[in-house]
N, C-alpha and C. Protein backbone atom coordinates (compact mmCIF):
# COMPACT_ATOMS: atom_id res chain seq x y z
N MET A 1 0.84 -1.17 0.00
CA MET A 1 0.00 0.00 0.00
C MET A 1 0.89 1.24 0.00
N SER A 2 0.51 2.21 -0.78
CA SER A 2 1.30 3.43 -0.82
C SER A 2 0.51 4.59 -0.24
N GLU A 3 1.22 5.64 0.06
CA GLU A 3 0.56 6.83 0.60
C GLU A 3 -0.25 7.56 -0.46
N ASP A 4 -0.08 7.21 -1.73
CA ASP A 4 -0.80 7.85 -2.81
C ASP A 4 -2.21 7.30 -2.98
N ASP A 5 -2.52 6.18 -2.35
CA ASP A 5 -3.85 5.60 -2.46
C ASP A 5 -4.87 6.54 -1.82
N ASN A 6 -6.01 6.67 -2.46
CA ASN A 6 -7.06 7.55 -1.96
C ASN A 6 -8.11 6.81 -1.14
N GLU A 7 -7.77 5.63 -0.68
CA GLU A 7 -8.68 4.85 0.13
C GLU A 7 -8.79 5.44 1.53
N SER A 8 -9.98 5.37 2.11
CA SER A 8 -10.16 5.77 3.50
C SER A 8 -9.50 4.74 4.39
N ILE A 9 -8.90 5.19 5.47
CA ILE A 9 -8.26 4.29 6.42
C ILE A 9 -9.03 4.37 7.74
N TYR A 10 -9.41 3.21 8.24
CA TYR A 10 -10.15 3.12 9.49
C TYR A 10 -9.26 2.43 10.52
N PRO A 11 -8.79 3.16 11.52
CA PRO A 11 -7.92 2.55 12.53
C PRO A 11 -8.63 1.44 13.30
N ILE A 12 -7.92 0.36 13.54
CA ILE A 12 -8.44 -0.75 14.34
C ILE A 12 -8.25 -0.39 15.81
N ALA A 13 -9.33 -0.48 16.58
CA ALA A 13 -9.28 -0.17 18.00
C ALA A 13 -9.16 -1.44 18.85
N ASN A 14 -9.68 -2.54 18.33
CA ASN A 14 -9.66 -3.80 19.06
C ASN A 14 -10.11 -4.89 18.10
N TRP A 15 -10.18 -6.11 18.58
CA TRP A 15 -10.67 -7.20 17.73
C TRP A 15 -11.07 -8.38 18.58
N ASP A 16 -11.90 -9.23 17.99
CA ASP A 16 -12.25 -10.53 18.54
C ASP A 16 -11.67 -11.54 17.57
N ILE A 17 -11.04 -12.57 18.08
CA ILE A 17 -10.44 -13.58 17.22
C ILE A 17 -10.46 -14.92 17.93
N GLY A 18 -10.68 -15.97 17.16
CA GLY A 18 -10.68 -17.29 17.76
C GLY A 18 -10.92 -18.37 16.73
N PRO A 19 -10.76 -19.62 17.14
CA PRO A 19 -10.92 -20.74 16.22
C PRO A 19 -12.36 -21.27 16.22
N ILE A 20 -12.76 -21.84 15.09
CA ILE A 20 -13.95 -22.67 15.00
C ILE A 20 -13.43 -24.04 14.62
N GLU A 21 -13.19 -24.86 15.63
CA GLU A 21 -12.50 -26.13 15.43
C GLU A 21 -13.22 -27.06 14.48
N GLU A 22 -14.56 -27.14 14.57
CA GLU A 22 -15.29 -28.10 13.73
C GLU A 22 -15.21 -27.78 12.24
N HIS A 23 -14.84 -26.53 11.90
CA HIS A 23 -14.68 -26.13 10.49
C HIS A 23 -13.24 -25.80 10.14
N GLN A 24 -12.35 -25.92 11.12
CA GLN A 24 -10.93 -25.61 10.91
C GLN A 24 -10.75 -24.19 10.36
N LEU A 25 -11.42 -23.23 11.01
CA LEU A 25 -11.35 -21.82 10.60
C LEU A 25 -10.89 -20.97 11.77
N VAL A 26 -10.30 -19.85 11.42
CA VAL A 26 -10.00 -18.78 12.38
C VAL A 26 -10.94 -17.64 12.03
N VAL A 27 -11.69 -17.15 13.02
CA VAL A 27 -12.59 -16.02 12.76
C VAL A 27 -12.01 -14.77 13.40
N PHE A 28 -12.24 -13.66 12.71
CA PHE A 28 -11.68 -12.37 13.10
C PHE A 28 -12.78 -11.33 12.94
N ARG A 29 -13.00 -10.53 13.99
CA ARG A 29 -13.98 -9.44 13.93
C ARG A 29 -13.32 -8.16 14.43
N PRO A 30 -12.96 -7.26 13.50
CA PRO A 30 -12.32 -6.01 13.92
C PRO A 30 -13.32 -5.02 14.51
N HIS A 31 -12.83 -4.22 15.43
CA HIS A 31 -13.56 -3.07 15.96
C HIS A 31 -12.78 -1.86 15.43
N PHE A 32 -13.44 -0.94 14.76
CA PHE A 32 -12.72 0.12 14.08
C PHE A 32 -13.30 1.50 14.37
N ILE A 33 -12.44 2.49 14.19
CA ILE A 33 -12.83 3.90 14.37
C ILE A 33 -13.28 4.42 13.01
N SER A 34 -14.49 4.94 12.95
CA SER A 34 -15.03 5.40 11.66
C SER A 34 -15.07 6.92 11.52
N SER A 35 -14.79 7.63 12.61
CA SER A 35 -14.75 9.09 12.52
C SER A 35 -13.72 9.63 13.51
N PRO A 36 -13.15 10.80 13.22
CA PRO A 36 -12.11 11.35 14.10
C PRO A 36 -12.59 11.61 15.53
N GLU A 37 -13.87 11.85 15.71
CA GLU A 37 -14.40 12.14 17.04
C GLU A 37 -14.66 10.89 17.87
N GLN A 38 -14.63 9.74 17.24
CA GLN A 38 -14.97 8.49 17.91
C GLN A 38 -13.82 8.01 18.80
N THR A 39 -14.16 7.48 19.96
CA THR A 39 -13.15 6.93 20.86
C THR A 39 -13.05 5.42 20.64
N ALA A 40 -11.97 4.84 21.15
CA ALA A 40 -11.78 3.40 21.03
C ALA A 40 -12.91 2.63 21.73
N GLU A 41 -13.41 3.18 22.81
CA GLU A 41 -14.50 2.53 23.54
C GLU A 41 -15.79 2.51 22.73
N ASP A 42 -15.95 3.46 21.82
CA ASP A 42 -17.15 3.56 21.00
C ASP A 42 -16.93 3.04 19.58
N ALA A 43 -15.90 2.24 19.39
CA ALA A 43 -15.56 1.75 18.06
C ALA A 43 -16.69 0.93 17.46
N GLU A 44 -16.79 1.01 16.14
CA GLU A 44 -17.74 0.19 15.39
C GLU A 44 -17.27 -1.26 15.44
N VAL A 45 -18.19 -2.19 15.59
CA VAL A 45 -17.86 -3.62 15.58
C VAL A 45 -18.29 -4.18 14.23
N SER A 46 -17.34 -4.72 13.51
CA SER A 46 -17.58 -5.24 12.17
C SER A 46 -18.20 -6.64 12.24
N ARG A 47 -18.40 -7.22 11.08
CA ARG A 47 -18.87 -8.61 11.01
C ARG A 47 -17.68 -9.53 11.20
N TYR A 48 -17.95 -10.80 11.40
CA TYR A 48 -16.89 -11.80 11.52
C TYR A 48 -16.38 -12.16 10.12
N TYR A 49 -15.08 -12.32 10.02
CA TYR A 49 -14.45 -12.78 8.79
C TYR A 49 -13.77 -14.11 9.10
N ALA A 50 -13.91 -15.08 8.21
CA ALA A 50 -13.34 -16.41 8.41
C ALA A 50 -12.13 -16.60 7.52
N LEU A 51 -11.09 -17.18 8.10
CA LEU A 51 -9.88 -17.52 7.34
C LEU A 51 -9.59 -19.00 7.54
N THR A 52 -9.10 -19.63 6.47
CA THR A 52 -8.60 -20.99 6.64
C THR A 52 -7.30 -20.91 7.43
N VAL A 53 -6.83 -22.04 7.89
CA VAL A 53 -5.56 -22.06 8.62
C VAL A 53 -4.45 -21.53 7.73
N THR A 54 -4.46 -21.91 6.46
CA THR A 54 -3.44 -21.43 5.52
C THR A 54 -3.51 -19.92 5.36
N GLN A 55 -4.71 -19.38 5.21
CA GLN A 55 -4.86 -17.93 5.09
C GLN A 55 -4.41 -17.22 6.35
N ALA A 56 -4.73 -17.76 7.51
CA ALA A 56 -4.31 -17.15 8.78
C ALA A 56 -2.79 -17.12 8.89
N LYS A 57 -2.13 -18.19 8.46
CA LYS A 57 -0.67 -18.23 8.48
C LYS A 57 -0.09 -17.20 7.51
N GLU A 58 -0.70 -17.07 6.33
CA GLU A 58 -0.24 -16.09 5.34
C GLU A 58 -0.43 -14.67 5.87
N LEU A 59 -1.55 -14.42 6.55
CA LEU A 59 -1.79 -13.10 7.15
C LEU A 59 -0.75 -12.82 8.22
N LYS A 60 -0.46 -13.80 9.05
CA LYS A 60 0.57 -13.64 10.09
C LYS A 60 1.91 -13.26 9.47
N GLU A 61 2.29 -13.97 8.40
CA GLU A 61 3.56 -13.68 7.74
C GLU A 61 3.56 -12.29 7.12
N ALA A 62 2.45 -11.89 6.50
CA ALA A 62 2.36 -10.57 5.90
C ALA A 62 2.45 -9.47 6.96
N LEU A 63 1.81 -9.68 8.11
CA LEU A 63 1.90 -8.70 9.20
C LEU A 63 3.32 -8.62 9.74
N GLU A 64 3.97 -9.77 9.92
CA GLU A 64 5.35 -9.77 10.41
C GLU A 64 6.28 -9.05 9.44
N THR A 65 6.08 -9.26 8.14
CA THR A 65 6.90 -8.60 7.13
C THR A 65 6.70 -7.09 7.19
N ALA A 66 5.46 -6.65 7.27
CA ALA A 66 5.17 -5.21 7.34
C ALA A 66 5.77 -4.59 8.60
N ILE A 67 5.68 -5.29 9.72
CA ILE A 67 6.24 -4.79 10.98
C ILE A 67 7.76 -4.68 10.87
N MET A 68 8.39 -5.69 10.28
CA MET A 68 9.86 -5.65 10.12
C MET A 68 10.25 -4.45 9.26
N MET A 69 9.51 -4.18 8.20
CA MET A 69 9.82 -3.04 7.34
C MET A 69 9.71 -1.73 8.11
N LEU A 70 8.70 -1.60 8.94
CA LEU A 70 8.51 -0.38 9.72
C LEU A 70 9.56 -0.23 10.81
N GLU A 71 9.96 -1.33 11.41
CA GLU A 71 10.94 -1.27 12.50
C GLU A 71 12.35 -1.00 12.00
N LYS A 72 12.62 -1.21 10.73
CA LYS A 72 13.93 -0.92 10.15
C LYS A 72 14.16 0.58 10.06
N LYS A 73 13.11 1.34 9.93
CA LYS A 73 13.23 2.79 9.71
C LYS A 73 13.50 3.53 10.98
């Protein structure tokens, strides 16, 4: 993602995450800030998103890579 993108950015304030063992899924539900006046306590709660174990591992790796890039600077 570049700074030139004109997409709106919604900061994540919190999240719910956990496994659904019988389906071998990881579910993720972000809580996000939708306006500058909103506090973390009043964050919007999104819907649940399901990831396969493979997708969850790929997301973990992508987050670790992004963090490493930021920590180098």
